[in-house]
Amino acid sequence: MSRREVLVQLDDDLVTRLDQLASERGTSRSELLRRGAVAVLDAADLRRADDELQAAYRRIPQDPDVVDMATRLATATMPEW
């Protein structure tokens, strides 16, 4: 996968904290920022999926009978630990 350099402006305190964490973790500031960017994008994807799921349930609510049957089935098949 190719990489592209991106200019990001950060305040001195944030750079210091990133450098300290990178040092503690044995990685680079760039790697921490890449991981942070991925985490932000993943969180946005999860939020979008959750919003879509909630909207679907508002359009077509769960059938209470189906929920009741699923609950009974789960209870009946749950192992006794």
N, C-alpha and C. Protein backbone atom coordinates (compact mmCIF):
# COMPACT_ATOMS: atom_id res chain seq x y z
N MET A 1 0.85 -1.17 0.00
CA MET A 1 0.00 0.00 0.00
C MET A 1 0.90 1.23 0.00
N SER A 2 0.62 2.15 -0.90
CA SER A 2 1.44 3.36 -0.95
C SER A 2 1.06 4.30 0.18
N ARG A 3 1.99 5.14 0.52
CA ARG A 3 1.75 6.12 1.58
C ARG A 3 1.96 7.51 1.02
N ARG A 4 1.25 8.45 1.62
CA ARG A 4 1.37 9.83 1.22
C ARG A 4 1.62 10.69 2.45
N GLU A 5 2.54 11.60 2.34
CA GLU A 5 2.85 12.49 3.45
C GLU A 5 1.78 13.57 3.53
N VAL A 6 1.28 13.80 4.76
CA VAL A 6 0.24 14.78 4.99
C VAL A 6 0.71 15.73 6.08
N LEU A 7 0.59 17.00 5.84
CA LEU A 7 1.00 18.00 6.82
C LEU A 7 -0.13 18.21 7.82
N VAL A 8 0.18 18.03 9.10
CA VAL A 8 -0.81 18.22 10.16
C VAL A 8 -0.19 19.15 11.19
N GLN A 9 -0.92 20.17 11.57
CA GLN A 9 -0.41 21.09 12.58
C GLN A 9 -0.94 20.69 13.95
N LEU A 10 0.00 20.54 14.90
CA LEU A 10 -0.33 20.15 16.27
C LEU A 10 0.34 21.13 17.22
N ASP A 11 -0.30 21.35 18.36
CA ASP A 11 0.34 22.24 19.33
C ASP A 11 1.48 21.51 20.04
N ASP A 12 2.36 22.28 20.65
CA ASP A 12 3.57 21.72 21.26
C ASP A 12 3.27 20.66 22.31
N ASP A 13 2.25 20.89 23.13
CA ASP A 13 1.91 19.95 24.18
C ASP A 13 1.49 18.60 23.59
N LEU A 14 0.70 18.64 22.55
CA LEU A 14 0.25 17.40 21.92
C LEU A 14 1.43 16.64 21.31
N VAL A 15 2.33 17.34 20.67
CA VAL A 15 3.51 16.70 20.09
C VAL A 15 4.35 16.05 21.20
N THR A 16 4.53 16.76 22.29
CA THR A 16 5.31 16.23 23.42
C THR A 16 4.66 14.96 23.96
N ARG A 17 3.35 14.99 24.13
CA ARG A 17 2.64 13.82 24.65
C ARG A 17 2.70 12.65 23.67
N LEU A 18 2.56 12.93 22.39
CA LEU A 18 2.66 11.87 21.39
C LEU A 18 4.06 11.26 21.38
N ASP A 19 5.07 12.10 21.44
CA ASP A 19 6.46 11.60 21.45
C ASP A 19 6.73 10.74 22.68
N GLN A 20 6.20 11.15 23.82
CA GLN A 20 6.39 10.38 25.05
C GLN A 20 5.71 9.02 24.92
N LEU A 21 4.48 9.00 24.44
CA LEU A 21 3.77 7.74 24.27
C LEU A 21 4.45 6.85 23.24
N ALA A 22 4.90 7.44 22.16
CA ALA A 22 5.61 6.67 21.13
C ALA A 22 6.86 6.03 21.71
N SER A 23 7.58 6.78 22.50
CA SER A 23 8.79 6.26 23.13
C SER A 23 8.46 5.10 24.07
N GLU A 24 7.41 5.27 24.87
CA GLU A 24 7.00 4.22 25.80
C GLU A 24 6.58 2.95 25.07
N ARG A 25 5.97 3.12 23.92
CA ARG A 25 5.46 1.97 23.16
C ARG A 25 6.46 1.43 22.13
N GLY A 26 7.59 2.10 22.01
CA GLY A 26 8.60 1.65 21.06
C GLY A 26 8.15 1.79 19.62
N THR A 27 7.47 2.89 19.33
CA THR A 27 6.98 3.14 17.98
C THR A 27 7.26 4.58 17.61
N SER A 28 6.73 5.02 16.51
CA SER A 28 6.97 6.39 16.07
C SER A 28 5.71 7.24 16.24
N ARG A 29 5.90 8.52 16.23
CA ARG A 29 4.79 9.47 16.27
C ARG A 29 3.87 9.23 15.07
N SER A 30 4.46 9.02 13.91
CA SER A 30 3.67 8.78 12.70
C SER A 30 2.78 7.55 12.85
N GLU A 31 3.35 6.49 13.42
CA GLU A 31 2.56 5.26 13.61
C GLU A 31 1.40 5.51 14.57
N LEU A 32 1.64 6.25 15.64
CA LEU A 32 0.55 6.58 16.56
C LEU A 32 -0.54 7.37 15.85
N LEU A 33 -0.16 8.33 15.04
CA LEU A 33 -1.15 9.13 14.32
C LEU A 33 -1.90 8.29 13.30
N ARG A 34 -1.21 7.35 12.64
CA ARG A 34 -1.91 6.44 11.71
C ARG A 34 -2.94 5.61 12.46
N ARG A 35 -2.52 5.05 13.58
CA ARG A 35 -3.45 4.24 14.39
C ARG A 35 -4.63 5.08 14.87
N GLY A 36 -4.35 6.30 15.26
CA GLY A 36 -5.43 7.19 15.71
C GLY A 36 -6.40 7.50 14.59
N ALA A 37 -5.88 7.73 13.40
CA ALA A 37 -6.74 8.01 12.25
C ALA A 37 -7.62 6.80 11.93
N VAL A 38 -7.04 5.61 11.98
CA VAL A 38 -7.82 4.39 11.73
C VAL A 38 -8.90 4.23 12.79
N ALA A 39 -8.57 4.51 14.05
CA ALA A 39 -9.55 4.38 15.13
C ALA A 39 -10.71 5.36 14.93
N VAL A 40 -10.42 6.57 14.52
CA VAL A 40 -11.47 7.57 14.27
C VAL A 40 -12.36 7.11 13.12
N LEU A 41 -11.76 6.63 12.04
CA LEU A 41 -12.54 6.17 10.89
C LEU A 41 -13.37 4.93 11.23
N ASP A 42 -12.79 3.99 11.99
CA ASP A 42 -13.54 2.80 12.41
C ASP A 42 -14.72 3.18 13.29
N ALA A 43 -14.51 4.12 14.20
CA ALA A 43 -15.60 4.58 15.07
C ALA A 43 -16.71 5.24 14.26
N ALA A 44 -16.33 6.00 13.26
CA ALA A 44 -17.34 6.64 12.40
C ALA A 44 -18.13 5.59 11.62
N ASP A 45 -17.44 4.54 11.13
CA ASP A 45 -18.13 3.45 10.42
C ASP A 45 -19.10 2.73 11.34
N LEU A 46 -18.67 2.45 12.57
CA LEU A 46 -19.55 1.78 13.52
C LEU A 46 -20.75 2.64 13.86
N ARG A 47 -20.53 3.92 14.03
CA ARG A 47 -21.63 4.84 14.33
C ARG A 47 -22.64 4.88 13.18
N ARG A 48 -22.12 4.93 11.96
CA ARG A 48 -22.98 4.94 10.78
C ARG A 48 -23.81 3.66 10.70
N ALA A 49 -23.17 2.52 10.95
CA ALA A 49 -23.87 1.24 10.92
C ALA A 49 -24.93 1.17 12.01
N ASP A 50 -24.60 1.68 13.19
CA ASP A 50 -25.56 1.69 14.30
C ASP A 50 -26.75 2.59 13.96
N ASP A 51 -26.48 3.76 13.40
CA ASP A 51 -27.56 4.66 13.00
C ASP A 51 -28.48 4.00 11.97
N GLU A 52 -27.87 3.29 11.00
CA GLU A 52 -28.67 2.61 9.97
C GLU A 52 -29.52 1.49 10.58
N LEU A 53 -28.94 0.76 11.55
CA LEU A 53 -29.69 -0.30 12.20
C LEU A 53 -30.87 0.27 13.00
N GLN A 54 -30.62 1.34 13.73
CA GLN A 54 -31.70 1.97 14.49
C GLN A 54 -32.80 2.48 13.57
N ALA A 55 -32.41 3.07 12.45
CA ALA A 55 -33.40 3.57 11.49
C ALA A 55 -34.22 2.42 10.93
N ALA A 56 -33.58 1.29 10.68
CA ALA A 56 -34.30 0.12 10.16
C ALA A 56 -35.33 -0.37 11.18
N TYR A 57 -34.96 -0.39 12.46
CA TYR A 57 -35.91 -0.81 13.48
C TYR A 57 -37.05 0.19 13.66
N ARG A 58 -36.78 1.46 13.39
CA ARG A 58 -37.87 2.45 13.45
C ARG A 58 -38.83 2.24 12.28
N ARG A 59 -38.28 1.88 11.10
CA ARG A 59 -39.14 1.62 9.93
C ARG A 59 -39.94 0.34 10.10
N ILE A 60 -39.27 -0.71 10.59
CA ILE A 60 -39.92 -2.01 10.77
C ILE A 60 -39.57 -2.50 12.17
N PRO A 61 -40.41 -2.15 13.15
CA PRO A 61 -40.12 -2.53 14.54
C PRO A 61 -40.06 -4.05 14.71
N GLN A 62 -39.35 -4.48 15.74
CA GLN A 62 -39.26 -5.90 16.05
C GLN A 62 -40.64 -6.42 16.44
N ASP A 63 -40.93 -7.62 16.00
CA ASP A 63 -42.17 -8.29 16.37
C ASP A 63 -41.98 -8.84 17.78
N PRO A 64 -42.81 -8.42 18.73
CA PRO A 64 -42.65 -8.89 20.12
C PRO A 64 -42.72 -10.41 20.25
N ASP A 65 -43.50 -11.06 19.39
CA ASP A 65 -43.59 -12.53 19.44
C ASP A 65 -42.26 -13.17 19.06
N VAL A 66 -41.59 -12.61 18.06
CA VAL A 66 -40.29 -13.14 17.64
C VAL A 66 -39.27 -12.96 18.75
N VAL A 67 -39.28 -11.80 19.39
CA VAL A 67 -38.35 -11.55 20.50
C VAL A 67 -38.62 -12.53 21.63
N ASP A 68 -39.89 -12.76 21.96
CA ASP A 68 -40.25 -13.68 23.03
C ASP A 68 -39.79 -15.11 22.69
N MET A 69 -40.03 -15.55 21.46
CA MET A 69 -39.60 -16.90 21.06
C MET A 69 -38.09 -17.04 21.10
N ALA A 70 -37.36 -16.03 20.66
CA ALA A 70 -35.90 -16.07 20.69
C ALA A 70 -35.39 -16.13 22.12
N THR A 71 -36.03 -15.39 23.00
CA THR A 71 -35.64 -15.40 24.41
C THR A 71 -35.87 -16.78 25.01
N ARG A 72 -37.02 -17.38 24.73
CA ARG A 72 -37.32 -18.72 25.25
C ARG A 72 -36.35 -19.75 24.69
N LEU A 73 -36.04 -19.66 23.41
CA LEU A 73 -35.11 -20.60 22.79
C LEU A 73 -33.72 -20.47 23.41
N ALA A 74 -33.27 -19.23 23.59
CA ALA A 74 -31.95 -19.01 24.20
C ALA A 74 -31.91 -19.56 25.62
N THR A 75 -33.00 -19.37 26.37
CA THR A 75 -33.06 -19.86 27.75
C THR A 75 -33.06 -21.39 27.77
N ALA A 76 -33.80 -21.99 26.86
CA ALA A 76 -33.92 -23.46 26.82
C ALA A 76 -32.62 -24.12 26.37
N THR A 77 -31.83 -23.46 25.56
CA THR A 77 -30.61 -24.08 25.02
C THR A 77 -29.33 -23.63 25.74
N MET A 78 -29.47 -22.74 26.71
CA MET A 78 -28.30 -22.24 27.43
C MET A 78 -27.71 -23.34 28.31
N PRO A 79 -26.41 -23.55 28.23
CA PRO A 79 -25.81 -24.60 29.06
C PRO A 79 -25.89 -24.24 30.55
N GLU A 80 -26.02 -25.25 31.38
CA GLU A 80 -26.06 -25.04 32.83
C GLU A 80 -24.64 -25.11 33.36
N TRP A 81 -24.06 -24.00 33.69
CA TRP A 81 -22.67 -23.93 34.14
C TRP A 81 -22.65 -23.97 35.61
